[in-house]
Amino acid sequence: MRACGDLRAARREGKLRQEHINERLTKIVADFAPAGANVHDGADFVGDLGADSLELVEVGQSVEEEFEVRIPD
């Protein structure tokens, strides 16, 4: 998964707004959630979305790639 050009440009310019971050995080989580799952800010990965440990790792990797950050183990 790659960030869109607008998101990368906003990040470079220091204008990455919270709504951009929330939108991208919701998209990442939704990509791993079961079809029809209610993905929202307060959703629990395991309890609400049924994620297993491998999916949690994959979500973390996708976040790292999307935002060009490193999440410590």
N, C-alpha and C. Protein backbone atom coordinates (compact mmCIF):
# COMPACT_ATOMS: atom_id res chain seq x y z
N MET A 1 0.85 -1.16 0.00
CA MET A 1 0.00 0.00 0.00
C MET A 1 0.90 1.23 0.00
N ARG A 2 0.63 2.16 -0.87
CA ARG A 2 1.44 3.36 -0.98
C ARG A 2 0.58 4.58 -0.68
N ALA A 3 1.21 5.56 -0.07
CA ALA A 3 0.49 6.81 0.19
C ALA A 3 0.26 7.53 -1.11
N CYS A 4 -0.88 8.24 -1.18
CA CYS A 4 -1.16 9.01 -2.37
C CYS A 4 -0.22 10.20 -2.43
N GLY A 5 -0.02 10.75 -3.60
CA GLY A 5 0.88 11.89 -3.77
C GLY A 5 0.50 13.06 -2.89
N ASP A 6 -0.81 13.33 -2.74
CA ASP A 6 -1.26 14.45 -1.91
C ASP A 6 -0.82 14.26 -0.46
N LEU A 7 -0.90 13.05 0.05
CA LEU A 7 -0.52 12.79 1.42
C LEU A 7 0.97 12.98 1.60
N ARG A 8 1.75 12.47 0.68
CA ARG A 8 3.20 12.63 0.78
C ARG A 8 3.60 14.11 0.69
N ALA A 9 2.97 14.84 -0.21
CA ALA A 9 3.27 16.27 -0.34
C ALA A 9 2.92 17.00 0.95
N ALA A 10 1.77 16.69 1.53
CA ALA A 10 1.36 17.33 2.78
C ALA A 10 2.35 17.02 3.89
N ARG A 11 2.83 15.80 3.93
CA ARG A 11 3.79 15.41 4.97
C ARG A 11 5.09 16.18 4.80
N ARG A 12 5.57 16.28 3.57
CA ARG A 12 6.81 17.02 3.30
C ARG A 12 6.68 18.48 3.70
N GLU A 13 5.53 19.04 3.48
CA GLU A 13 5.31 20.45 3.78
C GLU A 13 4.94 20.68 5.23
N GLY A 14 4.87 19.63 6.04
CA GLY A 14 4.51 19.77 7.44
C GLY A 14 3.04 20.07 7.64
N LYS A 15 2.21 19.69 6.68
CA LYS A 15 0.79 20.00 6.73
C LYS A 15 -0.07 18.75 6.83
N LEU A 16 0.49 17.69 7.36
CA LEU A 16 -0.26 16.45 7.50
C LEU A 16 -1.27 16.64 8.62
N ARG A 17 -2.52 16.76 8.27
CA ARG A 17 -3.56 17.05 9.24
C ARG A 17 -4.13 15.77 9.82
N GLN A 18 -4.72 15.92 11.00
CA GLN A 18 -5.27 14.77 11.70
C GLN A 18 -6.29 14.01 10.86
N GLU A 19 -7.11 14.73 10.08
CA GLU A 19 -8.11 14.01 9.28
C GLU A 19 -7.46 13.15 8.20
N HIS A 20 -6.31 13.58 7.67
CA HIS A 20 -5.58 12.75 6.71
C HIS A 20 -5.08 11.49 7.39
N ILE A 21 -4.54 11.66 8.58
CA ILE A 21 -4.01 10.52 9.32
C ILE A 21 -5.13 9.54 9.63
N ASN A 22 -6.24 10.04 10.17
CA ASN A 22 -7.38 9.17 10.51
C ASN A 22 -7.92 8.44 9.28
N GLU A 23 -8.02 9.17 8.17
CA GLU A 23 -8.53 8.57 6.93
C GLU A 23 -7.64 7.43 6.47
N ARG A 24 -6.34 7.64 6.48
CA ARG A 24 -5.41 6.61 6.02
C ARG A 24 -5.38 5.41 6.98
N LEU A 25 -5.40 5.68 8.29
CA LEU A 25 -5.41 4.59 9.26
C LEU A 25 -6.68 3.75 9.14
N THR A 26 -7.81 4.41 8.96
CA THR A 26 -9.07 3.69 8.79
C THR A 26 -9.02 2.82 7.54
N LYS A 27 -8.46 3.34 6.46
CA LYS A 27 -8.32 2.57 5.21
C LYS A 27 -7.43 1.35 5.41
N ILE A 28 -6.32 1.54 6.10
CA ILE A 28 -5.41 0.41 6.34
C ILE A 28 -6.12 -0.68 7.14
N VAL A 29 -6.77 -0.29 8.23
CA VAL A 29 -7.46 -1.27 9.07
C VAL A 29 -8.58 -1.94 8.29
N ALA A 30 -9.33 -1.17 7.53
CA ALA A 30 -10.44 -1.73 6.74
C ALA A 30 -9.95 -2.76 5.73
N ASP A 31 -8.75 -2.57 5.21
CA ASP A 31 -8.19 -3.53 4.25
C ASP A 31 -7.98 -4.91 4.88
N PHE A 32 -7.77 -4.94 6.20
CA PHE A 32 -7.53 -6.21 6.89
C PHE A 32 -8.77 -6.74 7.60
N ALA A 33 -9.79 -5.90 7.77
CA ALA A 33 -11.00 -6.30 8.48
C ALA A 33 -11.90 -7.14 7.56
N PRO A 34 -12.73 -7.98 8.16
CA PRO A 34 -13.68 -8.75 7.36
C PRO A 34 -14.65 -7.82 6.61
N ALA A 35 -15.14 -8.27 5.50
CA ALA A 35 -16.11 -7.49 4.72
C ALA A 35 -17.30 -7.13 5.60
N GLY A 36 -17.70 -5.88 5.53
CA GLY A 36 -18.85 -5.43 6.30
C GLY A 36 -18.55 -5.06 7.74
N ALA A 37 -17.30 -5.19 8.17
CA ALA A 37 -16.94 -4.85 9.55
C ALA A 37 -17.09 -3.35 9.76
N ASN A 38 -17.50 -2.97 10.96
CA ASN A 38 -17.68 -1.57 11.30
C ASN A 38 -16.35 -1.01 11.82
N VAL A 39 -15.53 -0.51 10.90
CA VAL A 39 -14.23 0.05 11.26
C VAL A 39 -14.44 1.51 11.65
N HIS A 40 -14.06 1.83 12.88
CA HIS A 40 -14.21 3.20 13.38
C HIS A 40 -13.10 3.48 14.38
N ASP A 41 -12.99 4.72 14.82
CA ASP A 41 -11.90 5.13 15.71
C ASP A 41 -11.78 4.29 16.97
N GLY A 42 -12.89 3.87 17.54
CA GLY A 42 -12.85 3.12 18.79
C GLY A 42 -12.88 1.62 18.63
N ALA A 43 -12.80 1.12 17.40
CA ALA A 43 -12.90 -0.32 17.17
C ALA A 43 -11.69 -1.04 17.76
N ASP A 44 -11.93 -2.17 18.39
CA ASP A 44 -10.88 -3.02 18.93
C ASP A 44 -10.49 -4.03 17.85
N PHE A 45 -9.20 -4.11 17.56
CA PHE A 45 -8.74 -4.99 16.48
C PHE A 45 -9.19 -6.43 16.67
N VAL A 46 -9.03 -6.94 17.85
CA VAL A 46 -9.34 -8.34 18.11
C VAL A 46 -10.82 -8.52 18.42
N GLY A 47 -11.33 -7.77 19.40
CA GLY A 47 -12.70 -7.95 19.85
C GLY A 47 -13.75 -7.59 18.81
N ASP A 48 -13.59 -6.44 18.17
CA ASP A 48 -14.60 -5.97 17.22
C ASP A 48 -14.35 -6.45 15.79
N LEU A 49 -13.09 -6.52 15.40
CA LEU A 49 -12.76 -6.82 14.01
C LEU A 49 -12.25 -8.24 13.79
N GLY A 50 -12.04 -8.98 14.88
CA GLY A 50 -11.64 -10.37 14.77
C GLY A 50 -10.24 -10.60 14.23
N ALA A 51 -9.36 -9.62 14.41
CA ALA A 51 -7.99 -9.75 13.89
C ALA A 51 -7.20 -10.77 14.71
N ASP A 52 -6.34 -11.51 14.03
CA ASP A 52 -5.44 -12.42 14.73
C ASP A 52 -4.06 -11.76 14.81
N SER A 53 -3.10 -12.42 15.46
CA SER A 53 -1.79 -11.82 15.69
C SER A 53 -1.06 -11.50 14.37
N LEU A 54 -1.21 -12.34 13.37
CA LEU A 54 -0.56 -12.08 12.08
C LEU A 54 -1.14 -10.82 11.44
N GLU A 55 -2.44 -10.66 11.50
CA GLU A 55 -3.07 -9.47 10.93
C GLU A 55 -2.63 -8.21 11.67
N LEU A 56 -2.44 -8.30 12.97
CA LEU A 56 -1.95 -7.15 13.73
C LEU A 56 -0.56 -6.74 13.26
N VAL A 57 0.29 -7.72 13.01
CA VAL A 57 1.63 -7.43 12.50
C VAL A 57 1.54 -6.80 11.11
N GLU A 58 0.68 -7.34 10.27
CA GLU A 58 0.52 -6.81 8.92
C GLU A 58 -0.03 -5.38 8.93
N VAL A 59 -0.95 -5.08 9.83
CA VAL A 59 -1.46 -3.72 9.96
C VAL A 59 -0.31 -2.80 10.36
N GLY A 60 0.48 -3.22 11.32
CA GLY A 60 1.63 -2.42 11.75
C GLY A 60 2.60 -2.16 10.62
N GLN A 61 2.87 -3.18 9.82
CA GLN A 61 3.78 -3.01 8.67
C GLN A 61 3.19 -2.05 7.65
N SER A 62 1.90 -2.13 7.43
CA SER A 62 1.25 -1.22 6.48
C SER A 62 1.30 0.22 6.97
N VAL A 63 1.12 0.42 8.28
CA VAL A 63 1.22 1.76 8.85
C VAL A 63 2.64 2.30 8.68
N GLU A 64 3.63 1.46 8.94
CA GLU A 64 5.03 1.88 8.77
C GLU A 64 5.29 2.32 7.33
N GLU A 65 4.81 1.53 6.39
CA GLU A 65 5.02 1.84 4.98
C GLU A 65 4.27 3.10 4.56
N GLU A 66 3.03 3.21 4.97
CA GLU A 66 2.19 4.33 4.57
C GLU A 66 2.72 5.66 5.07
N PHE A 67 3.17 5.68 6.33
CA PHE A 67 3.59 6.94 6.95
C PHE A 67 5.11 7.09 7.03
N GLU A 68 5.81 6.12 6.47
CA GLU A 68 7.27 6.15 6.46
C GLU A 68 7.82 6.35 7.87
N VAL A 69 7.34 5.51 8.80
CA VAL A 69 7.77 5.54 10.18
C VAL A 69 8.19 4.14 10.58
N ARG A 70 8.80 4.04 11.75
CA ARG A 70 9.19 2.74 12.31
C ARG A 70 8.45 2.57 13.62
N ILE A 71 7.71 1.49 13.76
CA ILE A 71 7.03 1.16 15.00
C ILE A 71 7.91 0.13 15.72
N PRO A 72 8.38 0.46 16.93
CA PRO A 72 9.25 -0.48 17.64
C PRO A 72 8.53 -1.80 17.94
N ASP A 73 9.28 -2.89 17.98
CA ASP A 73 8.72 -4.21 18.30
C ASP A 73 8.25 -4.28 19.72
